[in-house]
Amino acid sequence: MRYNVQHRIIVRLISVKGSFFTGTEGYCYPIDDQWTTSELVAVVNFYNEVEAAYEHGVDVANLLATYQVFKQVVRSKMQEKQIDRAFEKASGYSIYRTVKQAQSQQKGRLKMVDPT
């Protein structure tokens, strides 16, 4: 079976102890070592969408779809807020602001303004 880049990242993630993994731009993103492989894929896909919203722009529908899958993994608001703080500290990108903007926009492309 052939693996794409994302599968190789996930395999690497599974072997990592701790709560962070290095993303595509070298950011250390928060993960939970209790997540299954499919949950890790869902969370990483969402992180990638948020990152892309700042760097290139994304389709709002795709972002919101990945957010819904992310919310199936991260169900509590408290954990979501903790992840958002860690994600923003690592990357400078806000999950909360990105999702809020996408929800208000509902369609089209979303390009977040880099906060720096």
PDB file of N, CA and C in Angstrom:
ATOM      1  N   MET A   1       0.847  -1.187   0.000  1.00  0.00           N
ATOM      2  CA  MET A   1       0.000   0.000   0.000  1.00  0.00           C
ATOM      3  C   MET A   1       0.884   1.238   0.000  1.00  0.00           C
ATOM      4  N   ARG A   2       0.584   2.176  -0.879  1.00  0.00           N
ATOM      5  CA  ARG A   2       1.344   3.423  -0.931  1.00  0.00           C
ATOM      6  C   ARG A   2       0.789   4.409   0.079  1.00  0.00           C
ATOM      7  N   TYR A   3       1.665   5.166   0.693  1.00  0.00           N
ATOM      8  CA  TYR A   3       1.268   6.181   1.654  1.00  0.00           C
ATOM      9  C   TYR A   3       1.593   7.549   1.095  1.00  0.00           C
ATOM     10  N   ASN A   4       0.690   8.483   1.306  1.00  0.00           N
ATOM     11  CA  ASN A   4       1.003   9.848   0.907  1.00  0.00           C
ATOM     12  C   ASN A   4       1.744  10.540   2.048  1.00  0.00           C
ATOM     13  N   VAL A   5       2.102  11.777   1.848  1.00  0.00           N
ATOM     14  CA  VAL A   5       2.869  12.523   2.844  1.00  0.00           C
ATOM     15  C   VAL A   5       2.133  12.574   4.171  1.00  0.00           C
ATOM     16  N   GLN A   6       0.816  12.767   4.113  1.00  0.00           N
ATOM     17  CA  GLN A   6       0.044  12.873   5.349  1.00  0.00           C
ATOM     18  C   GLN A   6       0.145  11.584   6.168  1.00  0.00           C
ATOM     19  N   HIS A   7       0.102  10.429   5.512  1.00  0.00           N
ATOM     20  CA  HIS A   7       0.227   9.175   6.234  1.00  0.00           C
ATOM     21  C   HIS A   7       1.592   9.054   6.895  1.00  0.00           C
ATOM     22  N   ARG A   8       2.636   9.489   6.219  1.00  0.00           N
ATOM     23  CA  ARG A   8       3.972   9.429   6.816  1.00  0.00           C
ATOM     24  C   ARG A   8       4.043  10.338   8.039  1.00  0.00           C
ATOM     25  N   ILE A   9       3.412  11.498   7.962  1.00  0.00           N
ATOM     26  CA  ILE A   9       3.386  12.408   9.111  1.00  0.00           C
ATOM     27  C   ILE A   9       2.667  11.742  10.275  1.00  0.00           C
ATOM     28  N   ILE A  10       1.539  11.112   9.997  1.00  0.00           N
ATOM     29  CA  ILE A  10       0.775  10.469  11.059  1.00  0.00           C
ATOM     30  C   ILE A  10       1.570   9.330  11.688  1.00  0.00           C
ATOM     31  N   VAL A  11       2.239   8.545  10.881  1.00  0.00           N
ATOM     32  CA  VAL A  11       3.065   7.466  11.425  1.00  0.00           C
ATOM     33  C   VAL A  11       4.122   8.049  12.341  1.00  0.00           C
ATOM     34  N   ARG A  12       4.712   9.153  11.940  1.00  0.00           N
ATOM     35  CA  ARG A  12       5.705   9.813  12.773  1.00  0.00           C
ATOM     36  C   ARG A  12       5.071  10.324  14.057  1.00  0.00           C
ATOM     37  N   LEU A  13       3.860  10.843  13.953  1.00  0.00           N
ATOM     38  CA  LEU A  13       3.162  11.374  15.122  1.00  0.00           C
ATOM     39  C   LEU A  13       2.892  10.289  16.149  1.00  0.00           C
ATOM     40  N   ILE A  14       2.507   9.128  15.672  1.00  0.00           N
ATOM     41  CA  ILE A  14       2.170   8.052  16.585  1.00  0.00           C
ATOM     42  C   ILE A  14       3.374   7.660  17.421  1.00  0.00           C
ATOM     43  N   SER A  15       4.549   7.759  16.841  1.00  0.00           N
ATOM     44  CA  SER A  15       5.748   7.357  17.574  1.00  0.00           C
ATOM     45  C   SER A  15       6.263   8.444  18.510  1.00  0.00           C
ATOM     46  N   VAL A  16       5.678   9.635  18.439  1.00  0.00           N
ATOM     47  CA  VAL A  16       6.133  10.752  19.259  1.00  0.00           C
ATOM     48  C   VAL A  16       5.430  10.733  20.610  1.00  0.00           C
ATOM     49  N   LYS A  17       6.188  10.831  21.673  1.00  0.00           N
ATOM     50  CA  LYS A  17       5.622  10.975  23.011  1.00  0.00           C
ATOM     51  C   LYS A  17       5.504  12.468  23.292  1.00  0.00           C
ATOM     52  N   GLY A  18       4.439  12.874  23.945  1.00  0.00           N
ATOM     53  CA  GLY A  18       4.268  14.278  24.267  1.00  0.00           C
ATOM     54  C   GLY A  18       3.066  14.852  23.574  1.00  0.00           C
ATOM     55  N   SER A  19       2.974  16.160  23.607  1.00  0.00           N
ATOM     56  CA  SER A  19       1.743  16.793  23.151  1.00  0.00           C
ATOM     57  C   SER A  19       1.917  17.692  21.937  1.00  0.00           C
ATOM     58  N   PHE A  20       3.018  17.577  21.194  1.00  0.00           N
ATOM     59  CA  PHE A  20       3.215  18.444  20.046  1.00  0.00           C
ATOM     60  C   PHE A  20       3.803  17.667  18.881  1.00  0.00           C
ATOM     61  N   PHE A  21       3.515  18.117  17.682  1.00  0.00           N
ATOM     62  CA  PHE A  21       4.175  17.583  16.497  1.00  0.00           C
ATOM     63  C   PHE A  21       4.598  18.745  15.639  1.00  0.00           C
ATOM     64  N   THR A  22       5.570  18.527  14.796  1.00  0.00           N
ATOM     65  CA  THR A  22       6.071  19.576  13.932  1.00  0.00           C
ATOM     66  C   THR A  22       5.265  19.588  12.648  1.00  0.00           C
ATOM     67  N   GLY A  23       4.623  20.712  12.361  1.00  0.00           N
ATOM     68  CA  GLY A  23       3.800  20.857  11.170  1.00  0.00           C
ATOM     69  C   GLY A  23       4.629  21.180   9.943  1.00  0.00           C
ATOM     70  N   THR A  24       3.938  21.498   8.857  1.00  0.00           N
ATOM     71  CA  THR A  24       4.606  21.710   7.585  1.00  0.00           C
ATOM     72  C   THR A  24       5.552  22.894   7.609  1.00  0.00           C
ATOM     73  N   GLU A  25       5.292  23.881   8.406  1.00  0.00           N
ATOM     74  CA  GLU A  25       6.146  25.065   8.473  1.00  0.00           C
ATOM     75  C   GLU A  25       7.079  25.033   9.683  1.00  0.00           C
ATOM     76  N   GLY A  26       7.181  23.881  10.333  1.00  0.00           N
ATOM     77  CA  GLY A  26       8.061  23.763  11.475  1.00  0.00           C
ATOM     78  C   GLY A  26       7.418  24.164  12.786  1.00  0.00           C
ATOM     79  N   TYR A  27       6.119  24.465  12.778  1.00  0.00           N
ATOM     80  CA  TYR A  27       5.420  24.795  14.011  1.00  0.00           C
ATOM     81  C   TYR A  27       5.210  23.526  14.821  1.00  0.00           C
ATOM     82  N   CYS A  28       5.168  23.649  16.117  1.00  0.00           N
ATOM     83  CA  CYS A  28       4.844  22.517  16.984  1.00  0.00           C
ATOM     84  C   CYS A  28       3.380  22.619  17.364  1.00  0.00           C
ATOM     85  N   TYR A  29       2.585  21.746  16.804  1.00  0.00           N
ATOM     86  CA  TYR A  29       1.145  21.790  17.019  1.00  0.00           C
ATOM     87  C   TYR A  29       0.711  20.831  18.113  1.00  0.00           C
ATOM     88  N   PRO A  30      -0.323  21.199  18.864  1.00  0.00           N
ATOM     89  CA  PRO A  30      -0.770  20.349  19.971  1.00  0.00           C
ATOM     90  C   PRO A  30      -1.475  19.088  19.478  1.00  0.00           C
ATOM     91  N   ILE A  31      -1.114  17.968  20.089  1.00  0.00           N
ATOM     92  CA  ILE A  31      -1.820  16.710  19.853  1.00  0.00           C
ATOM     93  C   ILE A  31      -2.049  16.038  21.200  1.00  0.00           C
ATOM     94  N   ASP A  32      -2.936  15.095  21.214  1.00  0.00           N
ATOM     95  CA  ASP A  32      -3.227  14.309  22.409  1.00  0.00           C
ATOM     96  C   ASP A  32      -2.770  12.884  22.124  1.00  0.00           C
ATOM     97  N   ASP A  33      -1.914  12.349  22.958  1.00  0.00           N
ATOM     98  CA  ASP A  33      -1.399  11.008  22.684  1.00  0.00           C
ATOM     99  C   ASP A  33      -2.450   9.912  22.863  1.00  0.00           C
ATOM    100  N   GLN A  34      -3.643  10.292  23.292  1.00  0.00           N
ATOM    101  CA  GLN A  34      -4.749   9.336  23.410  1.00  0.00           C
ATOM    102  C   GLN A  34      -5.572   9.232  22.121  1.00  0.00           C
ATOM    103  N   TRP A  35      -5.340  10.143  21.164  1.00  0.00           N
ATOM    104  CA  TRP A  35      -6.100  10.104  19.918  1.00  0.00           C
ATOM    105  C   TRP A  35      -5.692   8.904  19.079  1.00  0.00           C
ATOM    106  N   THR A  36      -6.682   8.344  18.379  1.00  0.00           N
ATOM    107  CA  THR A  36      -6.410   7.262  17.438  1.00  0.00           C
ATOM    108  C   THR A  36      -5.784   7.844  16.179  1.00  0.00           C
ATOM    109  N   THR A  37      -5.327   6.968  15.295  1.00  0.00           N
ATOM    110  CA  THR A  37      -4.750   7.422  14.035  1.00  0.00           C
ATOM    111  C   THR A  37      -5.754   8.241  13.237  1.00  0.00           C
ATOM    112  N   SER A  38      -6.987   7.787  13.148  1.00  0.00           N
ATOM    113  CA  SER A  38      -7.996   8.527  12.374  1.00  0.00           C
ATOM    114  C   SER A  38      -8.316   9.867  13.035  1.00  0.00           C
ATOM    115  N   GLU A  39      -8.279   9.919  14.354  1.00  0.00           N
ATOM    116  CA  GLU A  39      -8.493  11.194  15.047  1.00  0.00           C
ATOM    117  C   GLU A  39      -7.333  12.146  14.791  1.00  0.00           C
ATOM    118  N   LEU A  40      -6.112  11.615  14.805  1.00  0.00           N
ATOM    119  CA  LEU A  40      -4.948  12.444  14.478  1.00  0.00           C
ATOM    120  C   LEU A  40      -5.058  13.012  13.069  1.00  0.00           C
ATOM    121  N   VAL A  41      -5.482  12.186  12.135  1.00  0.00           N
ATOM    122  CA  VAL A  41      -5.659  12.644  10.748  1.00  0.00           C
ATOM    123  C   VAL A  41      -6.669  13.779  10.703  1.00  0.00           C
ATOM    124  N   ALA A  42      -7.788  13.624  11.406  1.00  0.00           N
ATOM    125  CA  ALA A  42      -8.826  14.653  11.416  1.00  0.00           C
ATOM    126  C   ALA A  42      -8.308  15.969  11.993  1.00  0.00           C
ATOM    127  N   VAL A  43      -7.591  15.889  13.088  1.00  0.00           N
ATOM    128  CA  VAL A  43      -7.067  17.093  13.739  1.00  0.00           C
ATOM    129  C   VAL A  43      -6.000  17.751  12.873  1.00  0.00           C
ATOM    130  N   VAL A  44      -5.097  16.956  12.323  1.00  0.00           N
ATOM    131  CA  VAL A  44      -4.040  17.504  11.470  1.00  0.00           C
ATOM    132  C   VAL A  44      -4.640  18.143  10.221  1.00  0.00           C
ATOM    133  N   ASN A  45      -5.647  17.516   9.636  1.00  0.00           N
ATOM    134  CA  ASN A  45      -6.322  18.117   8.474  1.00  0.00           C
ATOM    135  C   ASN A  45      -6.894  19.483   8.831  1.00  0.00           C
ATOM    136  N   PHE A  46      -7.498  19.588   9.994  1.00  0.00           N
ATOM    137  CA  PHE A  46      -8.057  20.875  10.414  1.00  0.00           C
ATOM    138  C   PHE A  46      -6.952  21.901  10.649  1.00  0.00           C
ATOM    139  N   TYR A  47      -5.881  21.506  11.338  1.00  0.00           N
ATOM    140  CA  TYR A  47      -4.758  22.417  11.532  1.00  0.00           C
ATOM    141  C   TYR A  47      -4.225  22.910  10.187  1.00  0.00           C
ATOM    142  N   ASN A  48      -4.123  22.008   9.229  1.00  0.00           N
ATOM    143  CA  ASN A  48      -3.636  22.385   7.897  1.00  0.00           C
ATOM    144  C   ASN A  48      -4.568  23.396   7.233  1.00  0.00           C
ATOM    145  N   GLU A  49      -5.871  23.224   7.405  1.00  0.00           N
ATOM    146  CA  GLU A  49      -6.834  24.173   6.833  1.00  0.00           C
ATOM    147  C   GLU A  49      -6.695  25.551   7.474  1.00  0.00           C
ATOM    148  N   VAL A  50      -6.542  25.594   8.789  1.00  0.00           N
ATOM    149  CA  VAL A  50      -6.373  26.881   9.476  1.00  0.00           C
ATOM    150  C   VAL A  50      -5.080  27.540   9.013  1.00  0.00           C
ATOM    151  N   GLU A  51      -4.023  26.767   8.946  1.00  0.00           N
ATOM    152  CA  GLU A  51      -2.735  27.290   8.469  1.00  0.00           C
ATOM    153  C   GLU A  51      -2.878  27.845   7.047  1.00  0.00           C
ATOM    154  N   ALA A  52      -3.543  27.093   6.188  1.00  0.00           N
ATOM    155  CA  ALA A  52      -3.732  27.520   4.797  1.00  0.00           C
ATOM    156  C   ALA A  52      -4.614  28.758   4.703  1.00  0.00           C
ATOM    157  N   ALA A  53      -5.560  28.917   5.619  1.00  0.00           N
ATOM    158  CA  ALA A  53      -6.425  30.105   5.610  1.00  0.00           C
ATOM    159  C   ALA A  53      -5.593  31.377   5.769  1.00  0.00           C
ATOM    160  N   TYR A  54      -4.542  31.301   6.542  1.00  0.00           N
ATOM    161  CA  TYR A  54      -3.657  32.453   6.730  1.00  0.00           C
ATOM    162  C   TYR A  54      -2.646  32.591   5.599  1.00  0.00           C
ATOM    163  N   GLU A  55      -2.168  31.482   5.095  1.00  0.00           N
ATOM    164  CA  GLU A  55      -1.068  31.533   4.138  1.00  0.00           C
ATOM    165  C   GLU A  55      -1.501  31.655   2.684  1.00  0.00           C
ATOM    166  N   HIS A  56      -2.620  31.028   2.317  1.00  0.00           N
ATOM    167  CA  HIS A  56      -3.030  31.015   0.907  1.00  0.00           C
ATOM    168  C   HIS A  56      -4.491  31.377   0.703  1.00  0.00           C
ATOM    169  N   GLY A  57      -5.300  31.129   1.708  1.00  0.00           N
ATOM    170  CA  GLY A  57      -6.741  31.228   1.564  1.00  0.00           C
ATOM    171  C   GLY A  57      -7.316  29.830   1.343  1.00  0.00           C
ATOM    172  N   VAL A  58      -8.525  29.602   1.821  1.00  0.00           N
ATOM    173  CA  VAL A  58      -9.167  28.292   1.712  1.00  0.00           C
ATOM    174  C   VAL A  58     -10.635  28.466   1.352  1.00  0.00           C
ATOM    175  N   ASP A  59     -11.208  27.384   0.871  1.00  0.00           N
ATOM    176  CA  ASP A  59     -12.641  27.344   0.631  1.00  0.00           C
ATOM    177  C   ASP A  59     -13.347  27.238   1.983  1.00  0.00           C
ATOM    178  N   VAL A  60     -14.296  28.119   2.230  1.00  0.00           N
ATOM    179  CA  VAL A  60     -14.988  28.164   3.520  1.00  0.00           C
ATOM    180  C   VAL A  60     -15.681  26.834   3.818  1.00  0.00           C
ATOM    181  N   ALA A  61     -16.341  26.258   2.820  1.00  0.00           N
ATOM    182  CA  ALA A  61     -17.050  24.989   3.029  1.00  0.00           C
ATOM    183  C   ALA A  61     -16.092  23.883   3.472  1.00  0.00           C
ATOM    184  N   ASN A  62     -14.908  23.820   2.858  1.00  0.00           N
ATOM    185  CA  ASN A  62     -13.916  22.814   3.258  1.00  0.00           C
ATOM    186  C   ASN A  62     -13.430  23.050   4.682  1.00  0.00           C
ATOM    187  N   LEU A  63     -13.167  24.300   5.016  1.00  0.00           N
ATOM    188  CA  LEU A  63     -12.716  24.619   6.365  1.00  0.00           C
ATOM    189  C   LEU A  63     -13.765  24.219   7.389  1.00  0.00           C
ATOM    190  N   LEU A  64     -15.018  24.572   7.135  1.00  0.00           N
ATOM    191  CA  LEU A  64     -16.084  24.247   8.079  1.00  0.00           C
ATOM    192  C   LEU A  64     -16.313  22.741   8.163  1.00  0.00           C
ATOM    193  N   ALA A  65     -16.131  22.036   7.063  1.00  0.00           N
ATOM    194  CA  ALA A  65     -16.275  20.575   7.078  1.00  0.00           C
ATOM    195  C   ALA A  65     -15.173  19.938   7.930  1.00  0.00           C
ATOM    196  N   THR A  66     -13.937  20.406   7.773  1.00  0.00           N
ATOM    197  CA  THR A  66     -12.852  19.849   8.586  1.00  0.00           C
ATOM    198  C   THR A  66     -13.027  20.232  10.051  1.00  0.00           C
ATOM    199  N   TYR A  67     -13.622  21.396  10.307  1.00  0.00           N
ATOM    200  CA  TYR A  67     -13.900  21.804  11.687  1.00  0.00           C
ATOM    201  C   TYR A  67     -14.927  20.869  12.323  1.00  0.00           C
ATOM    202  N   GLN A  68     -15.945  20.491  11.575  1.00  0.00           N
ATOM    203  CA  GLN A  68     -16.953  19.570  12.109  1.00  0.00           C
ATOM    204  C   GLN A  68     -16.333  18.223  12.471  1.00  0.00           C
ATOM    205  N   VAL A  69     -15.419  17.731  11.657  1.00  0.00           N
ATOM    206  CA  VAL A  69     -14.737  16.472  11.955  1.00  0.00           C
ATOM    207  C   VAL A  69     -13.825  16.666  13.169  1.00  0.00           C
ATOM    208  N   PHE A  70     -13.122  17.788  13.230  1.00  0.00           N
ATOM    209  CA  PHE A  70     -12.285  18.131  14.380  1.00  0.00           C
ATOM    210  C   PHE A  70     -13.119  18.131  15.662  1.00  0.00           C
ATOM    211  N   LYS A  71     -14.320  18.676  15.604  1.00  0.00           N
ATOM    212  CA  LYS A  71     -15.191  18.746  16.782  1.00  0.00           C
ATOM    213  C   LYS A  71     -15.690  17.371  17.218  1.00  0.00           C
ATOM    214  N   GLN A  72     -15.672  16.399  16.335  1.00  0.00           N
ATOM    215  CA  GLN A  72     -16.008  15.030  16.728  1.00  0.00           C
ATOM    216  C   GLN A  72     -14.891  14.423  17.571  1.00  0.00           C
ATOM    217  N   VAL A  73     -13.676  14.924  17.393  1.00  0.00           N
ATOM    218  CA  VAL A  73     -12.525  14.457  18.170  1.00  0.00           C
ATOM    219  C   VAL A  73     -12.387  15.296  19.440  1.00  0.00           C
ATOM    220  N   VAL A  74     -12.438  16.603  19.284  1.00  0.00           N
ATOM    221  CA  VAL A  74     -12.277  17.547  20.397  1.00  0.00           C
ATOM    222  C   VAL A  74     -13.671  18.056  20.748  1.00  0.00           C
ATOM    223  N   ARG A  75     -14.328  17.370  21.654  1.00  0.00           N
ATOM    224  CA  ARG A  75     -15.740  17.653  21.941  1.00  0.00           C
ATOM    225  C   ARG A  75     -15.940  18.769  22.965  1.00  0.00           C
ATOM    226  N   SER A  76     -15.052  18.909  23.917  1.00  0.00           N
ATOM    227  CA  SER A  76     -15.275  19.903  24.970  1.00  0.00           C
ATOM    228  C   SER A  76     -14.743  21.270  24.556  1.00  0.00           C
ATOM    229  N   LYS A  77     -15.461  22.294  24.955  1.00  0.00           N
ATOM    230  CA  LYS A  77     -15.041  23.670  24.682  1.00  0.00           C
ATOM    231  C   LYS A  77     -13.721  23.975  25.379  1.00  0.00           C
ATOM    232  N   MET A  78     -13.572  23.442  26.588  1.00  0.00           N
ATOM    233  CA  MET A  78     -12.349  23.708  27.338  1.00  0.00           C
ATOM    234  C   MET A  78     -11.134  23.155  26.592  1.00  0.00           C
ATOM    235  N   GLN A  79     -11.221  21.912  26.102  1.00  0.00           N
ATOM    236  CA  GLN A  79     -10.096  21.341  25.363  1.00  0.00           C
ATOM    237  C   GLN A  79      -9.856  22.104  24.069  1.00  0.00           C
ATOM    238  N   GLU A  80     -10.936  22.519  23.404  1.00  0.00           N
ATOM    239  CA  GLU A  80     -10.777  23.297  22.169  1.00  0.00           C
ATOM    240  C   GLU A  80     -10.050  24.609  22.448  1.00  0.00           C
ATOM    241  N   LYS A  81     -10.398  25.285  23.542  1.00  0.00           N
ATOM    242  CA  LYS A  81      -9.732  26.539  23.901  1.00  0.00           C
ATOM    243  C   LYS A  81      -8.261  26.313  24.230  1.00  0.00           C
ATOM    244  N   GLN A  82      -7.965  25.219  24.925  1.00  0.00           N
ATOM    245  CA  GLN A  82      -6.574  24.908  25.252  1.00  0.00           C
ATOM    246  C   GLN A  82      -5.771  24.642  23.982  1.00  0.00           C
ATOM    247  N   ILE A  83      -6.370  23.888  23.069  1.00  0.00           N
ATOM    248  CA  ILE A  83      -5.706  23.592  21.799  1.00  0.00           C
ATOM    249  C   ILE A  83      -5.505  24.880  21.009  1.00  0.00           C
ATOM    250  N   ASP A  84      -6.509  25.739  20.989  1.00  0.00           N
ATOM    251  CA  ASP A  84      -6.401  27.005  20.262  1.00  0.00           C
ATOM    252  C   ASP A  84      -5.259  27.850  20.810  1.00  0.00           C
ATOM    253  N   ARG A  85      -5.165  27.949  22.127  1.00  0.00           N
ATOM    254  CA  ARG A  85      -4.075  28.738  22.733  1.00  0.00           C
ATOM    255  C   ARG A  85      -2.712  28.166  22.358  1.00  0.00           C
ATOM    256  N   ALA A  86      -2.563  26.839  22.453  1.00  0.00           N
ATOM    257  CA  ALA A  86      -1.282  26.205  22.119  1.00  0.00           C
ATOM    258  C   ALA A  86      -0.971  26.359  20.628  1.00  0.00           C
ATOM    259  N   PHE A  87      -1.993  26.192  19.786  1.00  0.00           N
ATOM    260  CA  PHE A  87      -1.827  26.328  18.339  1.00  0.00           C
ATOM    261  C   PHE A  87      -1.414  27.757  17.983  1.00  0.00           C
ATOM    262  N   GLU A  88      -2.085  28.734  18.599  1.00  0.00           N
ATOM    263  CA  GLU A  88      -1.753  30.132  18.309  1.00  0.00           C
ATOM    264  C   GLU A  88      -0.363  30.487  18.827  1.00  0.00           C
ATOM    265  N   LYS A  89       0.001  29.952  19.970  1.00  0.00           N
ATOM    266  CA  LYS A  89       1.345  30.209  20.506  1.00  0.00           C
ATOM    267  C   LYS A  89       2.411  29.645  19.566  1.00  0.00           C
ATOM    268  N   ALA A  90       2.150  28.467  19.007  1.00  0.00           N
ATOM    269  CA  ALA A  90       3.115  27.809  18.124  1.00  0.00           C
ATOM    270  C   ALA A  90       3.187  28.457  16.754  1.00  0.00           C
ATOM    271  N   SER A  91       2.040  28.862  16.211  1.00  0.00           N
ATOM    272  CA  SER A  91       1.991  29.296  14.812  1.00  0.00           C
ATOM    273  C   SER A  91       1.671  30.773  14.613  1.00  0.00           C
ATOM    274  N   GLY A  92       1.033  31.381  15.608  1.00  0.00           N
ATOM    275  CA  GLY A  92       0.557  32.747  15.442  1.00  0.00           C
ATOM    276  C   GLY A  92      -0.820  32.803  14.807  1.00  0.00           C
ATOM    277  N   TYR A  93      -1.417  31.646  14.523  1.00  0.00           N
ATOM    278  CA  TYR A  93      -2.720  31.563  13.859  1.00  0.00           C
ATOM    279  C   TYR A  93      -3.798  31.164  14.866  1.00  0.00           C
ATOM    280  N   SER A  94      -4.935  31.847  14.808  1.00  0.00           N
ATOM    281  CA  SER A  94      -6.012  31.590  15.744  1.00  0.00           C
ATOM    282  C   SER A  94      -7.079  30.684  15.123  1.00  0.00           C
ATOM    283  N   ILE A  95      -7.288  29.533  15.759  1.00  0.00           N
ATOM    284  CA  ILE A  95      -8.373  28.644  15.347  1.00  0.00           C
ATOM    285  C   ILE A  95      -9.702  29.355  15.555  1.00  0.00           C
ATOM    286  N   TYR A  96      -9.872  29.968  16.720  1.00  0.00           N
ATOM    287  CA  TYR A  96     -11.133  30.632  17.053  1.00  0.00           C
ATOM    288  C   TYR A  96     -11.491  31.701  16.028  1.00  0.00           C
ATOM    289  N   ARG A  97     -10.573  32.610  15.749  1.00  0.00           N
ATOM    290  CA  ARG A  97     -10.872  33.696  14.801  1.00  0.00           C
ATOM    291  C   ARG A  97     -11.134  33.165  13.391  1.00  0.00           C
ATOM    292  N   THR A  98     -10.405  32.127  13.008  1.00  0.00           N
ATOM    293  CA  THR A  98     -10.580  31.554  11.673  1.00  0.00           C
ATOM    294  C   THR A  98     -11.962  30.925  11.534  1.00  0.00           C
ATOM    295  N   VAL A  99     -12.356  30.124  12.514  1.00  0.00           N
ATOM    296  CA  VAL A  99     -13.673  29.475  12.460  1.00  0.00           C
ATOM    297  C   VAL A  99     -14.778  30.511  12.548  1.00  0.00           C
ATOM    298  N   LYS A 100     -14.619  31.493  13.411  1.00  0.00           N
ATOM    299  CA  LYS A 100     -15.633  32.552  13.565  1.00  0.00           C
ATOM    300  C   LYS A 100     -15.836  33.282  12.234  1.00  0.00           C
ATOM    301  N   GLN A 101     -14.739  33.627  11.571  1.00  0.00           N
ATOM    302  CA  GLN A 101     -14.829  34.315  10.281  1.00  0.00           C
ATOM    303  C   GLN A 101     -15.484  33.428   9.232  1.00  0.00           C
ATOM    304  N   ALA A 102     -15.115  32.158   9.205  1.00  0.00           N
ATOM    305  CA  ALA A 102     -15.697  31.217   8.232  1.00  0.00           C
ATOM    306  C   ALA A 102     -17.194  31.039   8.479  1.00  0.00           C
ATOM    307  N   GLN A 103     -17.593  30.952   9.738  1.00  0.00           N
ATOM    308  CA  GLN A 103     -19.013  30.792  10.058  1.00  0.00           C
ATOM    309  C   GLN A 103     -19.817  32.020   9.667  1.00  0.00           C
ATOM    310  N   SER A 104     -19.251  33.195   9.815  1.00  0.00           N
ATOM    311  CA  SER A 104     -19.976  34.402   9.428  1.00  0.00           C
ATOM    312  C   SER A 104     -20.011  34.569   7.914  1.00  0.00           C
ATOM    313  N   GLN A 105     -18.988  34.101   7.234  1.00  0.00           N
ATOM    314  CA  GLN A 105     -18.903  34.225   5.775  1.00  0.00           C
ATOM    315  C   GLN A 105     -19.739  33.163   5.058  1.00  0.00           C
ATOM    316  N   GLN A 106     -19.735  31.934   5.571  1.00  0.00           N
ATOM    317  CA  GLN A 106     -20.521  30.793   5.085  1.00  0.00           C
ATOM    318  C   GLN A 106     -20.170  30.233   3.705  1.00  0.00           C
ATOM    319  N   LYS A 107     -19.611  31.021   2.798  1.00  0.00           N
ATOM    320  CA  LYS A 107     -19.274  30.495   1.467  1.00  0.00           C
ATOM    321  C   LYS A 107     -18.145  31.308   0.858  1.00  0.00           C
ATOM    322  N   GLY A 108     -17.632  30.795  -0.246  1.00  0.00           N
ATOM    323  CA  GLY A 108     -16.543  31.494  -0.930  1.00  0.00           C
ATOM    324  C   GLY A 108     -15.191  31.114  -0.370  1.00  0.00           C
ATOM    325  N   ARG A 109     -14.216  31.991  -0.583  1.00  0.00           N
ATOM    326  CA  ARG A 109     -12.855  31.775  -0.085  1.00  0.00           C
ATOM    327  C   ARG A 109     -12.600  32.655   1.129  1.00  0.00           C
ATOM    328  N   LEU A 110     -11.789  32.132   2.009  1.00  0.00           N
ATOM    329  CA  LEU A 110     -11.416  32.855   3.221  1.00  0.00           C
ATOM    330  C   LEU A 110      -9.908  33.007   3.238  1.00  0.00           C
ATOM    331  N   LYS A 111      -9.453  34.233   3.345  1.00  0.00           N
ATOM    332  CA  LYS A 111      -8.024  34.529   3.496  1.00  0.00           C
ATOM    333  C   LYS A 111      -7.891  35.364   4.755  1.00  0.00           C
ATOM    334  N   MET A 112      -7.335  34.756   5.773  1.00  0.00           N
ATOM    335  CA  MET A 112      -7.150  35.455   7.044  1.00  0.00           C
ATOM    336  C   MET A 112      -5.955  36.394   6.938  1.00  0.00           C
ATOM    337  N   VAL A 113      -6.023  37.490   7.668  1.00  0.00           N
ATOM    338  CA  VAL A 113      -4.917  38.443   7.719  1.00  0.00           C
ATOM    339  C   VAL A 113      -3.960  37.986   8.793  1.00  0.00           C
ATOM    340  N   ASP A 114      -2.696  37.841   8.437  1.00  0.00           N
ATOM    341  CA  ASP A 114      -1.677  37.423   9.390  1.00  0.00           C
ATOM    342  C   ASP A 114      -1.610  38.456  10.504  1.00  0.00           C
ATOM    343  N   PRO A 115      -1.711  38.009  11.774  1.00  0.00           N
ATOM    344  CA  PRO A 115      -1.744  38.950  12.890  1.00  0.00           C
ATOM    345  C   PRO A 115      -0.432  39.667  13.156  1.00  0.00           C
ATOM    346  N   THR A 116       0.668  39.220  12.531  1.00  0.00           N
ATOM    347  CA  THR A 116       1.961  39.857  12.798  1.00  0.00           C
ATOM    348  C   THR A 116       2.209  41.025  11.884  1.00  0.00           C
TER     349      THR A 116
END
